[in-house]
Amino acid sequence: MINAVIARLKAQAVELADVLPAEELDALSKGTAPKHGTAFVIPYREQAEQNEYGTGIFRQRVLVQILVAFVIRRHDDAKGGKRATDFDTLKDSIEGALAGWAIEPSNDLFELVAGQAAPLGNGVSVYVQTWQTSRQLES
């Protein structure tokens, strides 16, 4: 699923400088400084519903949440106003690519759950969106 989201963002969210996988959000602040406009796709949470059938066939819907975090880098912006306006451009690009899209016909459409900005210091901020879809677990 992570690879499909990365491919979709690379193809559709043209405002992004790059799209990369990451294991966790904390790694963004501790790793090599990514360039302005880089987005990261991060696995987040899964919650399974009950099996739909009592006997024989097994089918279980699993709600899947991923994080899409992008980096805004502006060292000439002490108050953060320019970084805040950059959020809109990159959010719009990501939302245009993911909102209402499904990886497979059996998956739910992607929907935005939440978003939040966080300053990392030294002229860098990250904006994180939580997206939700589903997958089917079958046997």
C-alpha atoms as a PDB file:
ATOM      1  CA  MET A   1       0.000   0.000   0.000  1.00  0.00           C
ATOM      2  CA  ILE A   2       2.821   2.424   0.849  1.00  0.00           C
ATOM      3  CA  ASN A   3       4.394   1.936  -2.595  1.00  0.00           C
ATOM      4  CA  ALA A   4       1.059   2.574  -4.324  1.00  0.00           C
ATOM      5  CA  VAL A   5       0.567   5.834  -2.406  1.00  0.00           C
ATOM      6  CA  ILE A   6       4.119   6.948  -3.211  1.00  0.00           C
ATOM      7  CA  ALA A   7       3.586   6.211  -6.917  1.00  0.00           C
ATOM      8  CA  ARG A   8       0.272   8.087  -6.893  1.00  0.00           C
ATOM      9  CA  LEU A   9       1.790  11.146  -5.212  1.00  0.00           C
ATOM     10  CA  LYS A  10       4.796  11.172  -7.564  1.00  0.00           C
ATOM     11  CA  ALA A  11       2.470  11.051 -10.563  1.00  0.00           C
ATOM     12  CA  GLN A  12      -0.283  13.409  -9.365  1.00  0.00           C
ATOM     13  CA  ALA A  13       1.090  15.777  -6.690  1.00  0.00           C
ATOM     14  CA  VAL A  14       3.398  17.748  -8.959  1.00  0.00           C
ATOM     15  CA  GLU A  15       4.096  20.463  -6.370  1.00  0.00           C
ATOM     16  CA  LEU A  16       6.098  17.990  -4.264  1.00  0.00           C
ATOM     17  CA  ALA A  17       9.884  17.954  -4.690  1.00  0.00           C
ATOM     18  CA  ASP A  18      10.086  14.224  -3.903  1.00  0.00           C
ATOM     19  CA  VAL A  19       8.070  11.465  -2.230  1.00  0.00           C
ATOM     20  CA  LEU A  20       9.851   8.918  -0.034  1.00  0.00           C
ATOM     21  CA  PRO A  21       8.903   6.174   2.424  1.00  0.00           C
ATOM     22  CA  ALA A  22       9.690   6.537   6.123  1.00  0.00           C
ATOM     23  CA  GLU A  23       9.238   4.180   9.024  1.00  0.00           C
ATOM     24  CA  GLU A  24       8.165   6.715  11.624  1.00  0.00           C
ATOM     25  CA  LEU A  25       7.575  10.417  12.052  1.00  0.00           C
ATOM     26  CA  ASP A  26      10.427  10.918  14.546  1.00  0.00           C
ATOM     27  CA  ALA A  27      12.927   9.857  11.872  1.00  0.00           C
ATOM     28  CA  LEU A  28      12.167  13.044   9.911  1.00  0.00           C
ATOM     29  CA  SER A  29      13.574  15.297  12.611  1.00  0.00           C
ATOM     30  CA  LYS A  30      16.582  13.093  13.381  1.00  0.00           C
ATOM     31  CA  GLY A  31      17.705  12.131   9.861  1.00  0.00           C
ATOM     32  CA  THR A  32      19.362  14.002   7.025  1.00  0.00           C
ATOM     33  CA  ALA A  33      17.602  17.292   6.364  1.00  0.00           C
ATOM     34  CA  PRO A  34      15.184  16.720   3.467  1.00  0.00           C
ATOM     35  CA  LYS A  35      14.770  19.481   0.901  1.00  0.00           C
ATOM     36  CA  HIS A  36      11.826  21.858   0.839  1.00  0.00           C
ATOM     37  CA  GLY A  37       8.665  20.219  -0.476  1.00  0.00           C
ATOM     38  CA  THR A  38       9.708  16.606   0.171  1.00  0.00           C
ATOM     39  CA  ALA A  39       6.869  14.352   1.329  1.00  0.00           C
ATOM     40  CA  PHE A  40       7.132  11.132   3.314  1.00  0.00           C
ATOM     41  CA  VAL A  41       4.595   8.294   3.377  1.00  0.00           C
ATOM     42  CA  ILE A  42       4.539   6.550   6.745  1.00  0.00           C
ATOM     43  CA  PRO A  43       2.527   3.501   7.885  1.00  0.00           C
ATOM     44  CA  TYR A  44       0.433   4.441  10.907  1.00  0.00           C
ATOM     45  CA  ARG A  45      -2.466   2.320  12.179  1.00  0.00           C
ATOM     46  CA  GLU A  46      -4.694  -0.575  11.201  1.00  0.00           C
ATOM     47  CA  GLN A  47      -7.945  -1.660  12.810  1.00  0.00           C
ATOM     48  CA  ALA A  48      -9.707  -4.843  11.756  1.00  0.00           C
ATOM     49  CA  GLU A  49     -13.446  -5.388  11.728  1.00  0.00           C
ATOM     50  CA  GLN A  50     -15.029  -8.774  12.402  1.00  0.00           C
ATOM     51  CA  ASN A  51     -15.008 -11.543   9.814  1.00  0.00           C
ATOM     52  CA  GLU A  52     -18.086 -11.142   7.599  1.00  0.00           C
ATOM     53  CA  TYR A  53     -18.858 -14.876   7.463  1.00  0.00           C
ATOM     54  CA  GLY A  54     -19.550 -17.444  10.165  1.00  0.00           C
ATOM     55  CA  THR A  55     -18.172 -20.524   8.393  1.00  0.00           C
ATOM     56  CA  GLY A  56     -16.156 -21.452   5.337  1.00  0.00           C
ATOM     57  CA  ILE A  57     -15.150 -18.213   3.671  1.00  0.00           C
ATOM     58  CA  PHE A  58     -13.068 -15.695   5.585  1.00  0.00           C
ATOM     59  CA  ARG A  59     -13.278 -11.997   4.706  1.00  0.00           C
ATOM     60  CA  GLN A  60     -12.296  -9.222   7.045  1.00  0.00           C
ATOM     61  CA  ARG A  61     -12.219  -5.503   6.327  1.00  0.00           C
ATOM     62  CA  VAL A  62      -9.186  -3.715   7.736  1.00  0.00           C
ATOM     63  CA  LEU A  63      -9.200   0.060   8.108  1.00  0.00           C
ATOM     64  CA  VAL A  64      -5.760   1.411   7.266  1.00  0.00           C
ATOM     65  CA  GLN A  65      -4.366   4.808   8.187  1.00  0.00           C
ATOM     66  CA  ILE A  66      -1.191   6.258   6.738  1.00  0.00           C
ATOM     67  CA  LEU A  67       0.593   9.522   7.369  1.00  0.00           C
ATOM     68  CA  VAL A  68       1.737  11.849   4.628  1.00  0.00           C
ATOM     69  CA  ALA A  69       4.196  14.365   6.045  1.00  0.00           C
ATOM     70  CA  PHE A  70       5.817  17.121   4.029  1.00  0.00           C
ATOM     71  CA  VAL A  71       8.681  19.419   4.895  1.00  0.00           C
ATOM     72  CA  ILE A  72       8.659  23.200   4.533  1.00  0.00           C
ATOM     73  CA  ARG A  73      12.088  24.803   4.727  1.00  0.00           C
ATOM     74  CA  ARG A  74      12.406  28.613   4.862  1.00  0.00           C
ATOM     75  CA  HIS A  75      15.314  30.084   6.770  1.00  0.00           C
ATOM     76  CA  ASP A  76      14.287  33.697   5.999  1.00  0.00           C
ATOM     77  CA  ASP A  77      11.009  33.396   7.901  1.00  0.00           C
ATOM     78  CA  ALA A  78      11.461  34.011  11.634  1.00  0.00           C
ATOM     79  CA  LYS A  79       7.709  34.216  12.377  1.00  0.00           C
ATOM     80  CA  GLY A  80       6.770  31.306  10.133  1.00  0.00           C
ATOM     81  CA  GLY A  81       4.236  33.180   7.995  1.00  0.00           C
ATOM     82  CA  LYS A  82       5.785  32.116   4.680  1.00  0.00           C
ATOM     83  CA  ARG A  83       5.980  28.504   5.862  1.00  0.00           C
ATOM     84  CA  ALA A  84       2.310  28.613   6.850  1.00  0.00           C
ATOM     85  CA  THR A  85       1.261  29.809   3.376  1.00  0.00           C
ATOM     86  CA  ASP A  86       3.413  27.093   1.767  1.00  0.00           C
ATOM     87  CA  PHE A  87       1.332  24.513   3.653  1.00  0.00           C
ATOM     88  CA  ASP A  88      -1.694  25.341   1.485  1.00  0.00           C
ATOM     89  CA  THR A  89       0.073  24.749  -1.824  1.00  0.00           C
ATOM     90  CA  LEU A  90       1.459  21.351  -0.842  1.00  0.00           C
ATOM     91  CA  LYS A  91      -1.703  20.269   1.009  1.00  0.00           C
ATOM     92  CA  ASP A  92      -3.785  21.063  -2.077  1.00  0.00           C
ATOM     93  CA  SER A  93      -1.477  18.987  -4.262  1.00  0.00           C
ATOM     94  CA  ILE A  94      -1.583  15.981  -1.914  1.00  0.00           C
ATOM     95  CA  GLU A  95      -5.332  16.241  -1.377  1.00  0.00           C
ATOM     96  CA  GLY A  96      -5.931  16.419  -5.125  1.00  0.00           C
ATOM     97  CA  ALA A  97      -3.967  13.191  -5.567  1.00  0.00           C
ATOM     98  CA  LEU A  98      -5.399  11.136  -2.698  1.00  0.00           C
ATOM     99  CA  ALA A  99      -8.918  12.330  -1.808  1.00  0.00           C
ATOM    100  CA  GLY A 100     -11.466   9.977  -3.353  1.00  0.00           C
ATOM    101  CA  TRP A 101      -8.854   7.621  -4.860  1.00  0.00           C
ATOM    102  CA  ALA A 102      -8.807   3.854  -4.242  1.00  0.00           C
ATOM    103  CA  ILE A 103      -5.806   1.590  -4.742  1.00  0.00           C
ATOM    104  CA  GLU A 104      -8.058  -1.358  -5.678  1.00  0.00           C
ATOM    105  CA  PRO A 105     -11.806  -1.491  -6.366  1.00  0.00           C
ATOM    106  CA  SER A 106     -12.280  -3.506  -3.152  1.00  0.00           C
ATOM    107  CA  ASN A 107     -10.654  -0.742  -1.064  1.00  0.00           C
ATOM    108  CA  ASP A 108     -12.502   2.235   0.351  1.00  0.00           C
ATOM    109  CA  LEU A 109     -11.710   5.601  -1.185  1.00  0.00           C
ATOM    110  CA  PHE A 110      -8.970   7.538   0.569  1.00  0.00           C
ATOM    111  CA  GLU A 111     -10.299  10.180   2.918  1.00  0.00           C
ATOM    112  CA  LEU A 112      -8.553  12.788   5.007  1.00  0.00           C
ATOM    113  CA  VAL A 113      -8.852  12.164   8.747  1.00  0.00           C
ATOM    114  CA  ALA A 114      -6.733  14.966  10.210  1.00  0.00           C
ATOM    115  CA  GLY A 115      -3.823  17.319   9.628  1.00  0.00           C
ATOM    116  CA  GLN A 116      -1.420  19.194  11.871  1.00  0.00           C
ATOM    117  CA  ALA A 117       1.666  21.385  11.553  1.00  0.00           C
ATOM    118  CA  ALA A 118       4.714  21.113  13.789  1.00  0.00           C
ATOM    119  CA  PRO A 119       7.833  23.292  13.796  1.00  0.00           C
ATOM    120  CA  LEU A 120      11.107  21.352  13.791  1.00  0.00           C
ATOM    121  CA  GLY A 121      13.233  24.441  14.469  1.00  0.00           C
ATOM    122  CA  ASN A 122      15.865  26.254  12.419  1.00  0.00           C
ATOM    123  CA  GLY A 123      13.368  27.461   9.790  1.00  0.00           C
ATOM    124  CA  VAL A 124      11.867  24.019   9.171  1.00  0.00           C
ATOM    125  CA  SER A 125       8.301  22.865   9.698  1.00  0.00           C
ATOM    126  CA  VAL A 126       6.530  19.630   8.913  1.00  0.00           C
ATOM    127  CA  TYR A 127       2.861  19.244   8.135  1.00  0.00           C
ATOM    128  CA  VAL A 128       1.356  15.805   8.737  1.00  0.00           C
ATOM    129  CA  GLN A 129      -1.895  14.513   7.296  1.00  0.00           C
ATOM    130  CA  THR A 130      -3.603  11.295   8.351  1.00  0.00           C
ATOM    131  CA  TRP A 131      -5.334   9.455   5.501  1.00  0.00           C
ATOM    132  CA  GLN A 132      -7.633   6.446   5.778  1.00  0.00           C
ATOM    133  CA  THR A 133      -8.664   3.686   3.395  1.00  0.00           C
ATOM    134  CA  SER A 134      -9.295  -0.047   3.790  1.00  0.00           C
ATOM    135  CA  ARG A 135      -8.095  -3.399   2.565  1.00  0.00           C
ATOM    136  CA  GLN A 136      -9.666  -6.842   2.537  1.00  0.00           C
ATOM    137  CA  LEU A 137      -8.111  -9.791   4.346  1.00  0.00           C
ATOM    138  CA  GLU A 138      -9.414 -12.954   2.678  1.00  0.00           C
ATOM    139  CA  SER A 139      -8.774 -16.677   2.551  1.00  0.00           C
END
